[in-house]
N, C-alpha and C. Protein backbone atom coordinates (compact mmCIF):
# COMPACT_ATOMS: atom_id res chain seq x y z
N MET A 1 19.39 -14.31 -3.23
CA MET A 1 18.80 -15.53 -2.69
C MET A 1 17.54 -15.87 -3.48
N PRO A 2 17.45 -17.09 -4.01
CA PRO A 2 16.22 -17.48 -4.72
C PRO A 2 15.02 -17.43 -3.78
N ILE A 3 13.89 -17.03 -4.30
CA ILE A 3 12.68 -16.92 -3.49
C ILE A 3 11.84 -18.18 -3.71
N PRO A 4 11.60 -18.95 -2.66
CA PRO A 4 10.79 -20.16 -2.84
C PRO A 4 9.33 -19.81 -3.08
N ALA A 5 8.60 -20.79 -3.59
CA ALA A 5 7.15 -20.59 -3.75
C ALA A 5 6.48 -20.65 -2.39
N PHE A 6 5.48 -19.81 -2.20
CA PHE A 6 4.71 -19.77 -0.97
C PHE A 6 3.26 -20.18 -1.25
N PRO A 7 2.60 -20.79 -0.28
CA PRO A 7 1.18 -21.11 -0.46
C PRO A 7 0.30 -19.86 -0.58
N ILE A 8 0.73 -18.77 0.08
CA ILE A 8 -0.09 -17.55 0.11
C ILE A 8 0.81 -16.33 -0.06
N TYR A 9 0.35 -15.40 -0.92
CA TYR A 9 1.05 -14.13 -1.14
C TYR A 9 0.11 -12.99 -0.79
N LEU A 10 0.63 -12.03 -0.05
CA LEU A 10 -0.09 -10.80 0.24
C LEU A 10 0.66 -9.64 -0.40
N PHE A 11 -0.10 -8.70 -0.97
CA PHE A 11 0.52 -7.59 -1.68
C PHE A 11 -0.01 -6.25 -1.18
N ASP A 12 0.92 -5.36 -0.89
CA ASP A 12 0.58 -3.95 -0.81
C ASP A 12 0.15 -3.52 -2.22
N VAL A 13 -0.53 -2.39 -2.33
CA VAL A 13 -1.03 -1.94 -3.65
C VAL A 13 -0.24 -0.74 -4.16
N ASP A 14 -0.33 0.40 -3.48
CA ASP A 14 0.32 1.62 -3.95
C ASP A 14 1.83 1.53 -3.77
N GLY A 15 2.56 1.65 -4.87
CA GLY A 15 4.00 1.54 -4.82
C GLY A 15 4.50 0.12 -4.99
N THR A 16 3.58 -0.84 -5.08
CA THR A 16 3.95 -2.24 -5.26
C THR A 16 3.32 -2.82 -6.52
N LEU A 17 2.00 -2.65 -6.66
CA LEU A 17 1.31 -3.11 -7.86
C LEU A 17 1.08 -1.97 -8.86
N VAL A 18 0.77 -0.79 -8.34
CA VAL A 18 0.51 0.37 -9.20
C VAL A 18 1.32 1.57 -8.73
N ASP A 19 1.72 2.39 -9.69
CA ASP A 19 2.45 3.63 -9.42
C ASP A 19 1.42 4.75 -9.35
N SER A 20 0.98 5.07 -8.16
CA SER A 20 -0.20 5.91 -7.96
C SER A 20 0.08 7.23 -7.26
N TRP A 21 1.35 7.56 -7.08
CA TRP A 21 1.65 8.72 -6.25
C TRP A 21 1.09 10.02 -6.81
N ARG A 22 1.00 10.14 -8.12
CA ARG A 22 0.52 11.39 -8.71
C ARG A 22 -0.94 11.66 -8.32
N ASP A 23 -1.76 10.61 -8.33
CA ASP A 23 -3.16 10.80 -7.94
C ASP A 23 -3.30 10.97 -6.44
N ILE A 24 -2.53 10.21 -5.66
CA ILE A 24 -2.61 10.33 -4.20
C ILE A 24 -2.11 11.70 -3.76
N CYS A 25 -0.93 12.08 -4.20
CA CYS A 25 -0.37 13.37 -3.79
C CYS A 25 -1.18 14.54 -4.34
N GLY A 26 -1.69 14.37 -5.56
CA GLY A 26 -2.52 15.43 -6.14
C GLY A 26 -3.77 15.67 -5.33
N ALA A 27 -4.41 14.61 -4.87
CA ALA A 27 -5.62 14.75 -4.05
C ALA A 27 -5.29 15.39 -2.70
N ILE A 28 -4.18 14.98 -2.10
CA ILE A 28 -3.78 15.59 -0.83
C ILE A 28 -3.47 17.07 -1.01
N GLN A 29 -2.75 17.40 -2.07
CA GLN A 29 -2.41 18.81 -2.31
C GLN A 29 -3.67 19.66 -2.47
N THR A 30 -4.70 19.09 -3.11
CA THR A 30 -5.95 19.82 -3.26
C THR A 30 -6.58 20.11 -1.91
N VAL A 31 -6.52 19.14 -1.01
CA VAL A 31 -7.11 19.31 0.32
C VAL A 31 -6.37 20.37 1.12
N ILE A 32 -5.05 20.33 1.08
CA ILE A 32 -4.27 21.22 1.97
C ILE A 32 -3.94 22.57 1.33
N SER A 33 -4.30 22.74 0.07
CA SER A 33 -3.94 23.99 -0.62
C SER A 33 -5.16 24.83 -0.98
N LYS A 34 -6.29 24.57 -0.35
CA LYS A 34 -7.50 25.34 -0.64
C LYS A 34 -7.31 26.80 -0.24
N PRO A 35 -7.92 27.73 -1.00
CA PRO A 35 -7.79 29.15 -0.64
C PRO A 35 -8.26 29.45 0.77
N SER A 36 -9.20 28.65 1.30
CA SER A 36 -9.73 28.91 2.63
C SER A 36 -8.75 28.51 3.74
N GLU A 37 -7.72 27.73 3.38
CA GLU A 37 -6.75 27.30 4.39
C GLU A 37 -5.88 28.47 4.84
N GLU A 38 -5.52 28.45 6.12
CA GLU A 38 -4.58 29.46 6.62
C GLU A 38 -3.23 29.25 5.92
N ALA A 39 -2.48 30.30 5.82
CA ALA A 39 -1.20 30.23 5.13
C ALA A 39 -0.27 29.23 5.83
N ARG A 40 0.28 28.31 5.05
CA ARG A 40 1.21 27.31 5.58
C ARG A 40 2.35 27.15 4.58
N PRO A 41 3.50 26.70 5.04
CA PRO A 41 4.59 26.44 4.10
C PRO A 41 4.15 25.38 3.08
N PRO A 42 4.59 25.49 1.84
CA PRO A 42 4.22 24.49 0.84
C PRO A 42 4.78 23.12 1.21
N VAL A 43 4.03 22.09 0.82
CA VAL A 43 4.43 20.71 1.08
C VAL A 43 4.76 20.07 -0.27
N THR A 44 5.91 19.47 -0.39
CA THR A 44 6.32 18.89 -1.67
C THR A 44 5.72 17.50 -1.85
N ASP A 45 5.61 17.09 -3.11
CA ASP A 45 5.16 15.73 -3.40
C ASP A 45 6.14 14.70 -2.87
N ASP A 46 7.43 15.03 -2.90
CA ASP A 46 8.42 14.08 -2.37
C ASP A 46 8.17 13.82 -0.88
N PHE A 47 7.82 14.86 -0.15
CA PHE A 47 7.48 14.67 1.27
C PHE A 47 6.24 13.80 1.41
N LEU A 48 5.22 14.06 0.62
CA LEU A 48 3.97 13.30 0.72
C LEU A 48 4.16 11.84 0.33
N ARG A 49 5.02 11.59 -0.63
CA ARG A 49 5.26 10.20 -1.06
C ARG A 49 5.72 9.33 0.10
N GLY A 50 6.44 9.91 1.04
CA GLY A 50 6.92 9.15 2.18
C GLY A 50 5.82 8.67 3.10
N TYR A 51 4.62 9.23 2.95
CA TYR A 51 3.49 8.81 3.78
C TYR A 51 2.57 7.83 3.07
N ILE A 52 2.81 7.55 1.81
CA ILE A 52 1.95 6.60 1.09
C ILE A 52 2.08 5.23 1.74
N GLY A 53 0.96 4.64 2.05
CA GLY A 53 0.94 3.36 2.76
C GLY A 53 0.64 3.51 4.23
N ARG A 54 0.73 4.73 4.75
CA ARG A 54 0.34 5.01 6.13
C ARG A 54 -1.01 5.71 6.14
N HIS A 55 -1.64 5.76 7.28
CA HIS A 55 -2.94 6.41 7.36
C HIS A 55 -2.77 7.92 7.24
N LEU A 56 -3.75 8.56 6.62
CA LEU A 56 -3.69 10.01 6.46
C LEU A 56 -3.71 10.75 7.79
N ILE A 57 -4.22 10.12 8.83
CA ILE A 57 -4.17 10.76 10.14
C ILE A 57 -2.72 11.10 10.50
N ASP A 58 -1.80 10.17 10.23
CA ASP A 58 -0.39 10.41 10.56
C ASP A 58 0.13 11.64 9.82
N LEU A 59 -0.20 11.73 8.53
CA LEU A 59 0.27 12.86 7.73
C LEU A 59 -0.28 14.18 8.26
N PHE A 60 -1.58 14.25 8.44
CA PHE A 60 -2.19 15.52 8.83
C PHE A 60 -1.77 15.94 10.24
N LEU A 61 -1.58 14.99 11.13
CA LEU A 61 -1.07 15.33 12.45
C LEU A 61 0.35 15.87 12.37
N ASP A 62 1.18 15.23 11.53
CA ASP A 62 2.57 15.70 11.38
C ASP A 62 2.64 17.07 10.72
N LEU A 63 1.59 17.42 9.96
CA LEU A 63 1.52 18.76 9.36
C LEU A 63 0.85 19.77 10.29
N ASP A 64 0.57 19.33 11.53
CA ASP A 64 0.04 20.21 12.58
C ASP A 64 -1.39 20.68 12.35
N TYR A 65 -2.18 19.85 11.68
CA TYR A 65 -3.61 20.16 11.58
C TYR A 65 -4.30 19.73 12.87
N PRO A 66 -5.28 20.49 13.33
CA PRO A 66 -6.00 20.13 14.55
C PRO A 66 -6.71 18.78 14.40
N ARG A 67 -6.67 17.98 15.44
CA ARG A 67 -7.25 16.64 15.39
C ARG A 67 -8.73 16.68 15.04
N ASP A 68 -9.45 17.72 15.49
CA ASP A 68 -10.89 17.76 15.24
C ASP A 68 -11.24 18.10 13.80
N ARG A 69 -10.24 18.47 13.00
CA ARG A 69 -10.49 18.75 11.58
C ARG A 69 -10.13 17.58 10.68
N ILE A 70 -9.39 16.64 11.19
CA ILE A 70 -8.77 15.64 10.31
C ILE A 70 -9.79 14.69 9.69
N ASP A 71 -10.81 14.30 10.42
CA ASP A 71 -11.81 13.40 9.83
C ASP A 71 -12.44 14.02 8.59
N GLY A 72 -12.75 15.32 8.68
CA GLY A 72 -13.31 16.01 7.52
C GLY A 72 -12.34 16.10 6.37
N MET A 73 -11.07 16.30 6.67
CA MET A 73 -10.05 16.36 5.63
C MET A 73 -9.87 15.01 4.94
N ILE A 74 -9.95 13.95 5.72
CA ILE A 74 -9.82 12.61 5.13
C ILE A 74 -11.01 12.32 4.22
N ALA A 75 -12.21 12.68 4.67
CA ALA A 75 -13.39 12.47 3.83
C ALA A 75 -13.28 13.26 2.53
N GLU A 76 -12.78 14.50 2.63
CA GLU A 76 -12.60 15.32 1.43
C GLU A 76 -11.57 14.69 0.50
N TYR A 77 -10.47 14.22 1.07
CA TYR A 77 -9.45 13.55 0.26
C TYR A 77 -10.05 12.38 -0.50
N ARG A 78 -10.82 11.54 0.17
CA ARG A 78 -11.37 10.36 -0.49
C ARG A 78 -12.29 10.73 -1.64
N THR A 79 -13.05 11.79 -1.48
CA THR A 79 -13.92 12.25 -2.57
C THR A 79 -13.09 12.74 -3.76
N ILE A 80 -12.07 13.53 -3.48
CA ILE A 80 -11.22 14.08 -4.55
C ILE A 80 -10.43 12.97 -5.23
N TYR A 81 -9.88 12.05 -4.43
CA TYR A 81 -9.10 10.95 -4.99
C TYR A 81 -9.95 10.10 -5.92
N ALA A 82 -11.16 9.75 -5.50
CA ALA A 82 -12.04 8.95 -6.36
C ALA A 82 -12.41 9.70 -7.63
N ALA A 83 -12.61 11.01 -7.51
CA ALA A 83 -13.00 11.80 -8.68
C ALA A 83 -11.89 11.88 -9.72
N ARG A 84 -10.66 11.69 -9.32
CA ARG A 84 -9.54 11.69 -10.28
C ARG A 84 -9.55 10.44 -11.17
N GLN A 85 -10.28 9.41 -10.73
CA GLN A 85 -10.47 8.18 -11.50
C GLN A 85 -9.13 7.54 -11.90
N HIS A 86 -8.11 7.74 -11.07
CA HIS A 86 -6.82 7.08 -11.26
C HIS A 86 -6.20 7.39 -12.63
N ALA A 87 -6.50 8.60 -13.13
CA ALA A 87 -6.07 8.96 -14.48
C ALA A 87 -4.55 9.07 -14.58
N ALA A 88 -3.87 9.38 -13.48
CA ALA A 88 -2.41 9.53 -13.51
C ALA A 88 -1.70 8.31 -12.92
N THR A 89 -2.43 7.24 -12.68
CA THR A 89 -1.87 6.01 -12.11
C THR A 89 -1.59 5.01 -13.22
N VAL A 90 -0.53 4.24 -13.06
CA VAL A 90 -0.18 3.20 -14.04
C VAL A 90 0.19 1.92 -13.30
N ARG A 91 -0.01 0.82 -13.96
CA ARG A 91 0.42 -0.46 -13.41
C ARG A 91 1.92 -0.61 -13.65
N TYR A 92 2.64 -1.11 -12.65
CA TYR A 92 4.07 -1.31 -12.82
C TYR A 92 4.33 -2.41 -13.85
N PRO A 93 5.42 -2.30 -14.59
CA PRO A 93 5.77 -3.34 -15.57
C PRO A 93 5.92 -4.70 -14.89
N GLY A 94 5.39 -5.71 -15.54
CA GLY A 94 5.57 -7.08 -15.08
C GLY A 94 4.61 -7.54 -14.00
N VAL A 95 3.78 -6.64 -13.48
CA VAL A 95 2.90 -7.03 -12.37
C VAL A 95 1.88 -8.07 -12.80
N LYS A 96 1.20 -7.83 -13.91
CA LYS A 96 0.19 -8.78 -14.34
C LYS A 96 0.82 -10.13 -14.68
N GLU A 97 1.97 -10.10 -15.33
CA GLU A 97 2.66 -11.34 -15.68
C GLU A 97 3.06 -12.11 -14.42
N ALA A 98 3.54 -11.38 -13.42
CA ALA A 98 3.95 -12.03 -12.18
C ALA A 98 2.77 -12.68 -11.47
N LEU A 99 1.67 -11.96 -11.37
CA LEU A 99 0.49 -12.52 -10.70
C LEU A 99 -0.06 -13.72 -11.45
N THR A 100 0.04 -13.69 -12.77
CA THR A 100 -0.42 -14.83 -13.57
C THR A 100 0.45 -16.06 -13.32
N ALA A 101 1.74 -15.85 -13.19
CA ALA A 101 2.68 -16.97 -13.07
C ALA A 101 2.77 -17.53 -11.66
N LEU A 102 2.48 -16.70 -10.65
CA LEU A 102 2.67 -17.14 -9.27
C LEU A 102 1.66 -18.22 -8.89
N PRO A 103 2.12 -19.27 -8.22
CA PRO A 103 1.20 -20.25 -7.67
C PRO A 103 0.61 -19.72 -6.37
N GLY A 104 -0.23 -20.49 -5.75
CA GLY A 104 -0.74 -20.14 -4.43
C GLY A 104 -1.88 -19.14 -4.49
N ARG A 105 -2.44 -18.89 -3.30
CA ARG A 105 -3.54 -17.93 -3.19
C ARG A 105 -2.98 -16.53 -2.93
N LYS A 106 -3.77 -15.52 -3.29
CA LYS A 106 -3.28 -14.15 -3.23
C LYS A 106 -4.34 -13.23 -2.62
N SER A 107 -3.85 -12.28 -1.84
CA SER A 107 -4.70 -11.24 -1.28
C SER A 107 -3.93 -9.94 -1.25
N THR A 108 -4.63 -8.87 -0.99
CA THR A 108 -3.98 -7.58 -0.77
C THR A 108 -3.88 -7.32 0.72
N ALA A 109 -3.00 -6.41 1.09
CA ALA A 109 -2.89 -5.92 2.46
C ALA A 109 -2.51 -4.45 2.35
N THR A 110 -3.51 -3.60 2.18
CA THR A 110 -3.30 -2.20 1.82
C THR A 110 -4.00 -1.27 2.80
N THR A 111 -3.50 -0.04 2.88
CA THR A 111 -4.13 0.97 3.72
C THR A 111 -5.40 1.50 3.08
N LYS A 112 -5.57 1.34 1.78
CA LYS A 112 -6.83 1.68 1.14
C LYS A 112 -7.96 0.86 1.76
N GLY A 113 -9.18 1.39 1.72
CA GLY A 113 -10.33 0.58 2.08
C GLY A 113 -10.57 -0.50 1.04
N THR A 114 -11.25 -1.55 1.43
CA THR A 114 -11.49 -2.67 0.51
C THR A 114 -12.25 -2.25 -0.75
N PRO A 115 -13.34 -1.46 -0.65
CA PRO A 115 -14.06 -1.08 -1.88
C PRO A 115 -13.17 -0.35 -2.89
N MET A 116 -12.36 0.62 -2.44
CA MET A 116 -11.48 1.34 -3.36
C MET A 116 -10.39 0.43 -3.90
N THR A 117 -9.92 -0.50 -3.09
CA THR A 117 -8.91 -1.44 -3.56
C THR A 117 -9.46 -2.26 -4.72
N ARG A 118 -10.69 -2.70 -4.59
CA ARG A 118 -11.33 -3.46 -5.69
C ARG A 118 -11.43 -2.61 -6.96
N VAL A 119 -11.78 -1.35 -6.80
CA VAL A 119 -11.89 -0.45 -7.95
C VAL A 119 -10.54 -0.36 -8.67
N VAL A 120 -9.48 -0.16 -7.90
CA VAL A 120 -8.14 -0.02 -8.49
C VAL A 120 -7.72 -1.31 -9.18
N LEU A 121 -7.89 -2.44 -8.53
CA LEU A 121 -7.49 -3.71 -9.13
C LEU A 121 -8.27 -3.99 -10.41
N GLU A 122 -9.55 -3.67 -10.39
CA GLU A 122 -10.35 -3.91 -11.60
C GLU A 122 -9.92 -2.98 -12.73
N LYS A 123 -9.67 -1.71 -12.40
CA LYS A 123 -9.28 -0.75 -13.44
C LYS A 123 -8.00 -1.17 -14.14
N PHE A 124 -7.07 -1.76 -13.39
CA PHE A 124 -5.79 -2.13 -13.96
C PHE A 124 -5.69 -3.62 -14.28
N ASP A 125 -6.86 -4.25 -14.43
CA ASP A 125 -6.98 -5.63 -14.91
C ASP A 125 -6.22 -6.61 -14.03
N LEU A 126 -6.33 -6.42 -12.72
CA LEU A 126 -5.62 -7.29 -11.78
C LEU A 126 -6.57 -8.06 -10.86
N LEU A 127 -7.82 -7.65 -10.79
CA LEU A 127 -8.74 -8.21 -9.79
C LEU A 127 -8.89 -9.72 -9.92
N ALA A 128 -8.92 -10.22 -11.14
CA ALA A 128 -9.15 -11.65 -11.36
C ALA A 128 -8.02 -12.51 -10.81
N HIS A 129 -6.88 -11.91 -10.53
CA HIS A 129 -5.73 -12.68 -10.03
C HIS A 129 -5.75 -12.85 -8.52
N PHE A 130 -6.73 -12.25 -7.85
CA PHE A 130 -6.77 -12.30 -6.39
C PHE A 130 -7.92 -13.17 -5.90
N ASP A 131 -7.58 -14.01 -4.92
CA ASP A 131 -8.59 -14.84 -4.28
C ASP A 131 -9.36 -14.06 -3.22
N HIS A 132 -8.76 -13.01 -2.71
CA HIS A 132 -9.37 -12.18 -1.69
C HIS A 132 -8.80 -10.78 -1.82
N VAL A 133 -9.61 -9.79 -1.47
CA VAL A 133 -9.15 -8.40 -1.45
C VAL A 133 -9.35 -7.87 -0.04
N GLN A 134 -8.28 -7.44 0.59
CA GLN A 134 -8.35 -6.95 1.97
C GLN A 134 -7.79 -5.56 2.06
N GLY A 135 -8.63 -4.63 2.47
CA GLY A 135 -8.19 -3.28 2.77
C GLY A 135 -8.25 -3.01 4.25
N THR A 136 -7.98 -1.77 4.63
CA THR A 136 -8.01 -1.37 6.03
C THR A 136 -9.38 -0.80 6.32
N ASP A 137 -10.23 -1.60 6.95
CA ASP A 137 -11.64 -1.26 7.14
C ASP A 137 -11.97 -1.21 8.63
N GLY A 138 -11.85 -0.04 9.22
CA GLY A 138 -12.28 0.12 10.60
C GLY A 138 -11.33 -0.44 11.64
N PHE A 139 -10.10 -0.70 11.25
CA PHE A 139 -9.09 -1.14 12.23
C PHE A 139 -7.79 -0.39 11.94
N PRO A 140 -6.82 -0.47 12.85
CA PRO A 140 -5.60 0.33 12.70
C PRO A 140 -4.84 -0.01 11.41
N ALA A 141 -4.27 1.02 10.81
CA ALA A 141 -3.53 0.86 9.56
C ALA A 141 -2.10 0.43 9.84
N LYS A 142 -1.43 -0.05 8.78
CA LYS A 142 0.00 -0.34 8.88
C LYS A 142 0.74 0.90 9.39
N PRO A 143 1.72 0.73 10.25
CA PRO A 143 2.50 -0.48 10.52
C PRO A 143 1.88 -1.46 11.51
N GLU A 144 0.68 -1.18 12.02
CA GLU A 144 0.00 -2.21 12.80
C GLU A 144 -0.24 -3.43 11.90
N PRO A 145 -0.25 -4.63 12.42
CA PRO A 145 -0.35 -5.83 11.59
C PRO A 145 -1.76 -6.24 11.21
N ASP A 146 -2.76 -5.44 11.60
CA ASP A 146 -4.16 -5.88 11.48
C ASP A 146 -4.58 -6.29 10.08
N VAL A 147 -4.18 -5.53 9.06
CA VAL A 147 -4.62 -5.84 7.71
C VAL A 147 -3.99 -7.14 7.21
N VAL A 148 -2.78 -7.43 7.63
CA VAL A 148 -2.14 -8.70 7.29
C VAL A 148 -2.86 -9.84 8.00
N LEU A 149 -3.13 -9.66 9.28
CA LEU A 149 -3.80 -10.70 10.05
C LEU A 149 -5.21 -10.97 9.54
N ALA A 150 -5.87 -9.94 9.01
CA ALA A 150 -7.21 -10.13 8.47
C ALA A 150 -7.20 -11.10 7.29
N SER A 151 -6.22 -10.98 6.41
CA SER A 151 -6.12 -11.91 5.28
C SER A 151 -5.75 -13.31 5.76
N LEU A 152 -4.86 -13.39 6.74
CA LEU A 152 -4.51 -14.70 7.27
C LEU A 152 -5.74 -15.41 7.83
N LYS A 153 -6.59 -14.64 8.50
CA LYS A 153 -7.81 -15.23 9.08
C LYS A 153 -8.74 -15.75 7.99
N VAL A 154 -8.89 -14.98 6.92
CA VAL A 154 -9.75 -15.41 5.81
C VAL A 154 -9.26 -16.73 5.22
N PHE A 155 -7.94 -16.86 5.06
CA PHE A 155 -7.36 -18.05 4.46
C PHE A 155 -7.15 -19.18 5.47
N GLY A 156 -7.31 -18.88 6.77
CA GLY A 156 -6.98 -19.88 7.78
C GLY A 156 -5.52 -20.27 7.70
N ALA A 157 -4.65 -19.28 7.46
CA ALA A 157 -3.26 -19.55 7.13
C ALA A 157 -2.35 -19.48 8.33
N ASP A 158 -1.31 -20.29 8.30
CA ASP A 158 -0.21 -20.21 9.24
C ASP A 158 0.74 -19.12 8.74
N PRO A 159 1.17 -18.19 9.58
CA PRO A 159 2.06 -17.11 9.12
C PRO A 159 3.29 -17.60 8.37
N LYS A 160 3.81 -18.78 8.72
CA LYS A 160 5.03 -19.25 8.06
C LYS A 160 4.79 -19.60 6.59
N ASP A 161 3.53 -19.71 6.19
CA ASP A 161 3.20 -20.05 4.81
C ASP A 161 2.91 -18.82 3.95
N VAL A 162 3.20 -17.64 4.48
CA VAL A 162 2.78 -16.39 3.83
C VAL A 162 3.98 -15.51 3.52
N LEU A 163 3.98 -14.93 2.32
CA LEU A 163 4.95 -13.91 1.93
C LEU A 163 4.21 -12.61 1.68
N PHE A 164 4.61 -11.56 2.39
CA PHE A 164 4.00 -10.23 2.21
C PHE A 164 4.97 -9.36 1.43
N VAL A 165 4.49 -8.81 0.32
CA VAL A 165 5.31 -8.03 -0.60
C VAL A 165 4.88 -6.57 -0.53
N GLY A 166 5.84 -5.68 -0.26
CA GLY A 166 5.51 -4.27 -0.17
C GLY A 166 6.70 -3.38 -0.42
N ASP A 167 6.43 -2.08 -0.47
CA ASP A 167 7.49 -1.12 -0.82
C ASP A 167 7.84 -0.16 0.30
N ALA A 168 7.11 -0.22 1.40
CA ALA A 168 7.26 0.79 2.44
C ALA A 168 7.74 0.19 3.75
N PRO A 169 8.43 0.98 4.57
CA PRO A 169 8.80 0.49 5.90
C PRO A 169 7.60 0.01 6.70
N ALA A 170 6.44 0.68 6.54
CA ALA A 170 5.24 0.25 7.26
C ALA A 170 4.82 -1.15 6.86
N ASP A 171 5.04 -1.52 5.59
CA ASP A 171 4.74 -2.89 5.14
C ASP A 171 5.64 -3.89 5.85
N MET A 172 6.93 -3.58 5.88
CA MET A 172 7.89 -4.50 6.47
C MET A 172 7.63 -4.66 7.98
N GLU A 173 7.31 -3.55 8.64
CA GLU A 173 7.03 -3.63 10.07
C GLU A 173 5.75 -4.43 10.33
N ALA A 174 4.71 -4.17 9.54
CA ALA A 174 3.46 -4.90 9.72
C ALA A 174 3.67 -6.39 9.49
N GLY A 175 4.45 -6.74 8.46
CA GLY A 175 4.72 -8.14 8.19
C GLY A 175 5.48 -8.80 9.32
N ARG A 176 6.50 -8.11 9.84
CA ARG A 176 7.27 -8.65 10.94
C ARG A 176 6.37 -8.90 12.15
N ARG A 177 5.52 -7.92 12.44
CA ARG A 177 4.66 -8.03 13.62
C ARG A 177 3.60 -9.12 13.45
N ALA A 178 3.25 -9.43 12.21
CA ALA A 178 2.28 -10.49 11.95
C ALA A 178 2.94 -11.86 11.89
N GLY A 179 4.26 -11.90 11.85
CA GLY A 179 4.98 -13.17 11.85
C GLY A 179 5.14 -13.82 10.49
N VAL A 180 4.90 -13.04 9.39
CA VAL A 180 5.03 -13.59 8.05
C VAL A 180 6.39 -13.24 7.46
N LYS A 181 6.77 -13.89 6.38
CA LYS A 181 7.97 -13.53 5.63
C LYS A 181 7.68 -12.25 4.85
N THR A 182 8.72 -11.45 4.65
CA THR A 182 8.54 -10.18 3.96
C THR A 182 9.46 -10.08 2.75
N CYS A 183 8.97 -9.37 1.74
CA CYS A 183 9.74 -9.12 0.53
C CYS A 183 9.61 -7.64 0.19
N ALA A 184 10.73 -6.94 0.12
CA ALA A 184 10.75 -5.51 -0.18
C ALA A 184 11.00 -5.29 -1.66
N VAL A 185 10.18 -4.43 -2.28
CA VAL A 185 10.42 -4.05 -3.66
C VAL A 185 11.21 -2.74 -3.67
N ARG A 186 12.20 -2.68 -4.53
CA ARG A 186 13.07 -1.50 -4.57
C ARG A 186 12.53 -0.39 -5.46
N TYR A 187 11.48 -0.65 -6.22
CA TYR A 187 11.02 0.34 -7.21
C TYR A 187 9.91 1.24 -6.67
N GLY A 188 9.48 1.04 -5.43
CA GLY A 188 8.35 1.80 -4.90
C GLY A 188 8.76 3.09 -4.24
N TYR A 189 8.06 3.45 -3.15
CA TYR A 189 8.22 4.76 -2.55
C TYR A 189 9.11 4.78 -1.31
N GLY A 190 9.39 3.64 -0.73
CA GLY A 190 10.27 3.59 0.42
C GLY A 190 11.73 3.57 -0.02
N THR A 191 12.61 4.13 0.80
CA THR A 191 14.03 4.09 0.48
C THR A 191 14.63 2.77 0.96
N ALA A 192 15.73 2.38 0.31
CA ALA A 192 16.38 1.13 0.69
C ALA A 192 16.83 1.17 2.14
N GLU A 193 17.30 2.33 2.59
CA GLU A 193 17.77 2.45 3.97
C GLU A 193 16.62 2.24 4.96
N GLU A 194 15.47 2.84 4.68
CA GLU A 194 14.32 2.68 5.57
C GLU A 194 13.83 1.24 5.59
N LEU A 195 13.77 0.64 4.42
CA LEU A 195 13.30 -0.74 4.33
C LEU A 195 14.25 -1.70 5.03
N ALA A 196 15.55 -1.46 4.89
CA ALA A 196 16.55 -2.37 5.43
C ALA A 196 16.50 -2.44 6.96
N ARG A 197 15.99 -1.39 7.59
CA ARG A 197 15.89 -1.41 9.05
C ARG A 197 15.05 -2.57 9.54
N TRP A 198 14.12 -3.04 8.69
CA TRP A 198 13.21 -4.12 9.09
C TRP A 198 13.68 -5.47 8.57
N GLU A 199 14.87 -5.52 8.00
CA GLU A 199 15.51 -6.76 7.57
C GLU A 199 14.55 -7.66 6.78
N PRO A 200 14.10 -7.19 5.61
CA PRO A 200 13.22 -8.03 4.79
C PRO A 200 13.90 -9.38 4.48
N ASP A 201 13.09 -10.40 4.37
CA ASP A 201 13.62 -11.72 4.05
C ASP A 201 14.11 -11.78 2.61
N TYR A 202 13.48 -11.00 1.74
CA TYR A 202 13.84 -10.99 0.32
C TYR A 202 13.75 -9.56 -0.22
N TRP A 203 14.49 -9.33 -1.31
CA TRP A 203 14.45 -8.05 -2.03
C TRP A 203 14.25 -8.35 -3.51
N ILE A 204 13.46 -7.51 -4.19
CA ILE A 204 13.30 -7.67 -5.63
C ILE A 204 13.28 -6.29 -6.30
N ASP A 205 13.66 -6.29 -7.58
CA ASP A 205 13.58 -5.09 -8.41
C ASP A 205 12.42 -5.14 -9.40
N ASP A 206 11.80 -6.30 -9.53
CA ASP A 206 10.71 -6.51 -10.49
C ASP A 206 9.85 -7.64 -9.90
N LEU A 207 8.54 -7.46 -9.95
CA LEU A 207 7.66 -8.44 -9.33
C LEU A 207 7.79 -9.81 -9.98
N ARG A 208 8.25 -9.85 -11.23
CA ARG A 208 8.39 -11.14 -11.91
C ARG A 208 9.46 -12.02 -11.26
N GLU A 209 10.34 -11.42 -10.48
CA GLU A 209 11.34 -12.21 -9.77
C GLU A 209 10.71 -13.19 -8.78
N LEU A 210 9.51 -12.89 -8.31
CA LEU A 210 8.83 -13.80 -7.37
C LEU A 210 8.53 -15.13 -8.02
N ALA A 211 8.30 -15.10 -9.33
CA ALA A 211 7.93 -16.33 -10.04
C ALA A 211 9.14 -17.04 -10.63
N GLY A 212 10.32 -16.57 -10.27
CA GLY A 212 11.53 -17.25 -10.72
C GLY A 212 11.91 -16.96 -12.15
């Protein structure tokens, strides 16, 4: 199905604009594999990739870490992740070309905080293509719709005028709950089966497909 032009586009970041799992999973592995940690079964990167786009609270709770330790673990993760300086992250092919060609206004809708999102977009020469940068700042993360709704509020946008592009089931659920159209990318971290449960309005294999 051809994808029409939209007045406003929202983009997830990790798994949609940049391939960042090596830095994200590497930072998490550092946090959970410290010598001071009690012995636990090893956690694979493939398992961790399934949590990219969700809040780290979900991951650490599912790994049975005590709730009173998780805030400290998240703070440690953020320090380690920033220190990696995105050295193992790459921009997906065609992303810059797609953002250049797309009409309309653009924002992000990511689980990253806004300051780190700006750092990533600037590092990969994408920041200039965005009219607004929206991260998850002090409100519930996807699959809650808050980060999508925050961008809509900034733009004063009607949900029907918005296309949200992402790679994870949490993106599709957040988009559905916000009332916007959704587009699933097949090259990211979510599986086709998981994404299909949320019946995305569109599917793409390359971001350049958005621009026709």
